[in-house]
């Protein structure tokens, strides 16, 4: 598996874009990445970013 390094701001932007493209409204597209990034910070990896981007 390839390792990706990016800033939290970039991660948030990518998540929001992915959610919007797939039909999520703006308010949820902003809230969901916040929760996912907090989960990653607290090492709840199975609920975080890799699930959305993969």
N, C-alpha and C. Protein backbone atom coordinates (compact mmCIF):
# COMPACT_ATOMS: atom_id res chain seq x y z
N UNK A 1 0.83 -1.16 0.00
CA UNK A 1 0.00 0.00 0.00
C UNK A 1 0.89 1.24 0.00
N UNK A 2 0.53 2.22 -0.79
CA UNK A 2 1.29 3.45 -0.89
C UNK A 2 0.91 4.41 0.22
N UNK A 3 1.89 5.09 0.78
CA UNK A 3 1.65 6.06 1.84
C UNK A 3 1.45 7.44 1.22
N UNK A 4 0.43 8.14 1.69
CA UNK A 4 0.16 9.50 1.24
C UNK A 4 0.29 10.45 2.41
N UNK A 5 1.00 11.54 2.20
CA UNK A 5 1.12 12.58 3.22
C UNK A 5 0.51 13.86 2.68
N UNK A 6 -0.39 14.46 3.44
CA UNK A 6 -0.98 15.73 3.05
C UNK A 6 -1.46 16.46 4.30
N UNK A 7 -1.69 17.75 4.16
CA UNK A 7 -2.11 18.56 5.29
C UNK A 7 -3.56 18.28 5.66
N UNK A 8 -3.94 18.65 6.86
CA UNK A 8 -5.33 18.48 7.28
C UNK A 8 -6.26 19.32 6.42
N UNK A 9 -5.81 20.49 6.04
CA UNK A 9 -6.62 21.35 5.18
C UNK A 9 -6.85 20.69 3.82
N UNK A 10 -5.82 20.08 3.27
CA UNK A 10 -5.96 19.36 1.99
C UNK A 10 -6.90 18.18 2.14
N UNK A 11 -6.78 17.45 3.25
CA UNK A 11 -7.66 16.31 3.49
C UNK A 11 -9.11 16.75 3.58
N UNK A 12 -9.34 17.83 4.28
CA UNK A 12 -10.70 18.35 4.42
C UNK A 12 -11.26 18.75 3.05
N UNK A 13 -10.46 19.43 2.27
CA UNK A 13 -10.89 19.87 0.94
C UNK A 13 -11.21 18.68 0.04
N UNK A 14 -10.35 17.66 0.05
CA UNK A 14 -10.60 16.46 -0.76
C UNK A 14 -11.87 15.74 -0.33
N UNK A 15 -12.07 15.62 0.98
CA UNK A 15 -13.27 14.95 1.48
C UNK A 15 -14.53 15.71 1.09
N UNK A 16 -14.51 17.02 1.26
CA UNK A 16 -15.67 17.83 0.90
C UNK A 16 -16.00 17.68 -0.59
N UNK A 17 -14.98 17.73 -1.42
CA UNK A 17 -15.19 17.60 -2.86
C UNK A 17 -15.77 16.23 -3.20
N UNK A 18 -15.23 15.19 -2.60
CA UNK A 18 -15.71 13.83 -2.85
C UNK A 18 -17.18 13.69 -2.46
N UNK A 19 -17.53 14.22 -1.31
CA UNK A 19 -18.91 14.12 -0.83
C UNK A 19 -19.87 14.92 -1.72
N UNK A 20 -19.46 16.12 -2.11
CA UNK A 20 -20.32 16.96 -2.96
C UNK A 20 -20.55 16.32 -4.32
N UNK A 21 -19.51 15.77 -4.92
CA UNK A 21 -19.62 15.13 -6.22
C UNK A 21 -20.58 13.94 -6.16
N UNK A 22 -20.65 13.32 -5.00
CA UNK A 22 -21.51 12.15 -4.84
C UNK A 22 -22.87 12.48 -4.23
N UNK A 23 -23.26 13.76 -4.28
CA UNK A 23 -24.62 14.14 -3.92
C UNK A 23 -24.86 14.63 -2.50
N UNK A 24 -23.84 14.81 -1.72
CA UNK A 24 -24.00 15.29 -0.36
C UNK A 24 -24.23 16.81 -0.38
N UNK A 25 -25.13 17.31 0.49
CA UNK A 25 -25.35 18.75 0.53
C UNK A 25 -24.18 19.45 1.22
N UNK A 26 -24.11 20.76 1.06
CA UNK A 26 -22.97 21.53 1.54
C UNK A 26 -22.73 21.44 3.04
N UNK A 27 -23.79 21.53 3.84
CA UNK A 27 -23.63 21.49 5.30
C UNK A 27 -23.04 20.16 5.75
N UNK A 28 -23.54 19.08 5.21
CA UNK A 28 -23.01 17.76 5.58
C UNK A 28 -21.62 17.53 5.01
N UNK A 29 -21.37 18.04 3.82
CA UNK A 29 -20.05 17.89 3.20
C UNK A 29 -18.98 18.62 4.01
N UNK A 30 -19.36 19.62 4.78
CA UNK A 30 -18.40 20.32 5.64
C UNK A 30 -18.28 19.64 7.00
N UNK A 31 -19.38 19.10 7.52
CA UNK A 31 -19.37 18.49 8.86
C UNK A 31 -18.69 17.13 8.88
N UNK A 32 -18.93 16.31 7.88
CA UNK A 32 -18.42 14.94 7.87
C UNK A 32 -16.88 14.89 7.88
N UNK A 33 -16.19 15.67 7.05
CA UNK A 33 -14.72 15.62 7.11
C UNK A 33 -14.17 16.03 8.46
N UNK A 34 -14.81 16.97 9.13
CA UNK A 34 -14.35 17.38 10.46
C UNK A 34 -14.38 16.18 11.41
N UNK A 35 -15.49 15.46 11.43
CA UNK A 35 -15.63 14.31 12.32
C UNK A 35 -14.62 13.22 11.94
N UNK A 36 -14.42 13.00 10.65
CA UNK A 36 -13.48 11.97 10.20
C UNK A 36 -12.05 12.31 10.60
N UNK A 37 -11.67 13.57 10.48
CA UNK A 37 -10.31 13.98 10.84
C UNK A 37 -10.10 13.87 12.34
N UNK A 38 -11.11 14.23 13.14
CA UNK A 38 -11.01 14.06 14.59
C UNK A 38 -10.85 12.58 14.93
N UNK A 39 -11.58 11.71 14.25
CA UNK A 39 -11.45 10.27 14.49
C UNK A 39 -10.03 9.79 14.18
N UNK A 40 -9.47 10.27 13.07
CA UNK A 40 -8.08 9.91 12.73
C UNK A 40 -7.11 10.39 13.81
N UNK A 41 -7.33 11.59 14.31
CA UNK A 41 -6.45 12.14 15.33
C UNK A 41 -6.46 11.27 16.58
N UNK A 42 -7.61 10.68 16.88
CA UNK A 42 -7.75 9.85 18.08
C UNK A 42 -7.54 8.37 17.79
N UNK A 43 -6.97 8.07 16.63
CA UNK A 43 -6.56 6.74 16.21
C UNK A 43 -7.74 5.76 16.06
N UNK A 44 -8.89 6.29 15.63
CA UNK A 44 -10.01 5.44 15.27
C UNK A 44 -9.97 5.26 13.75
N UNK A 45 -8.92 4.60 13.28
CA UNK A 45 -8.64 4.51 11.85
C UNK A 45 -9.76 3.86 11.04
N UNK A 46 -10.47 2.93 11.58
CA UNK A 46 -11.49 2.25 10.78
C UNK A 46 -12.69 3.15 10.48
N UNK A 47 -12.76 4.32 11.08
CA UNK A 47 -13.87 5.23 10.85
C UNK A 47 -13.42 6.52 10.18
N UNK A 48 -12.19 6.57 9.73
CA UNK A 48 -11.63 7.82 9.27
C UNK A 48 -11.47 7.95 7.77
N UNK A 49 -10.44 8.66 7.41
CA UNK A 49 -10.23 9.09 6.02
C UNK A 49 -10.08 7.95 5.04
N UNK A 50 -9.40 6.88 5.43
CA UNK A 50 -9.13 5.84 4.44
C UNK A 50 -10.42 5.19 3.96
N UNK A 51 -11.47 5.22 4.72
CA UNK A 51 -12.75 4.64 4.28
C UNK A 51 -13.38 5.48 3.17
N UNK A 52 -13.25 6.78 3.25
CA UNK A 52 -13.84 7.65 2.22
C UNK A 52 -13.03 7.62 0.94
N UNK A 53 -11.72 7.74 1.06
CA UNK A 53 -10.87 7.89 -0.11
C UNK A 53 -10.58 6.56 -0.81
N UNK A 54 -10.81 5.45 -0.14
CA UNK A 54 -10.47 4.17 -0.71
C UNK A 54 -11.64 3.53 -1.35
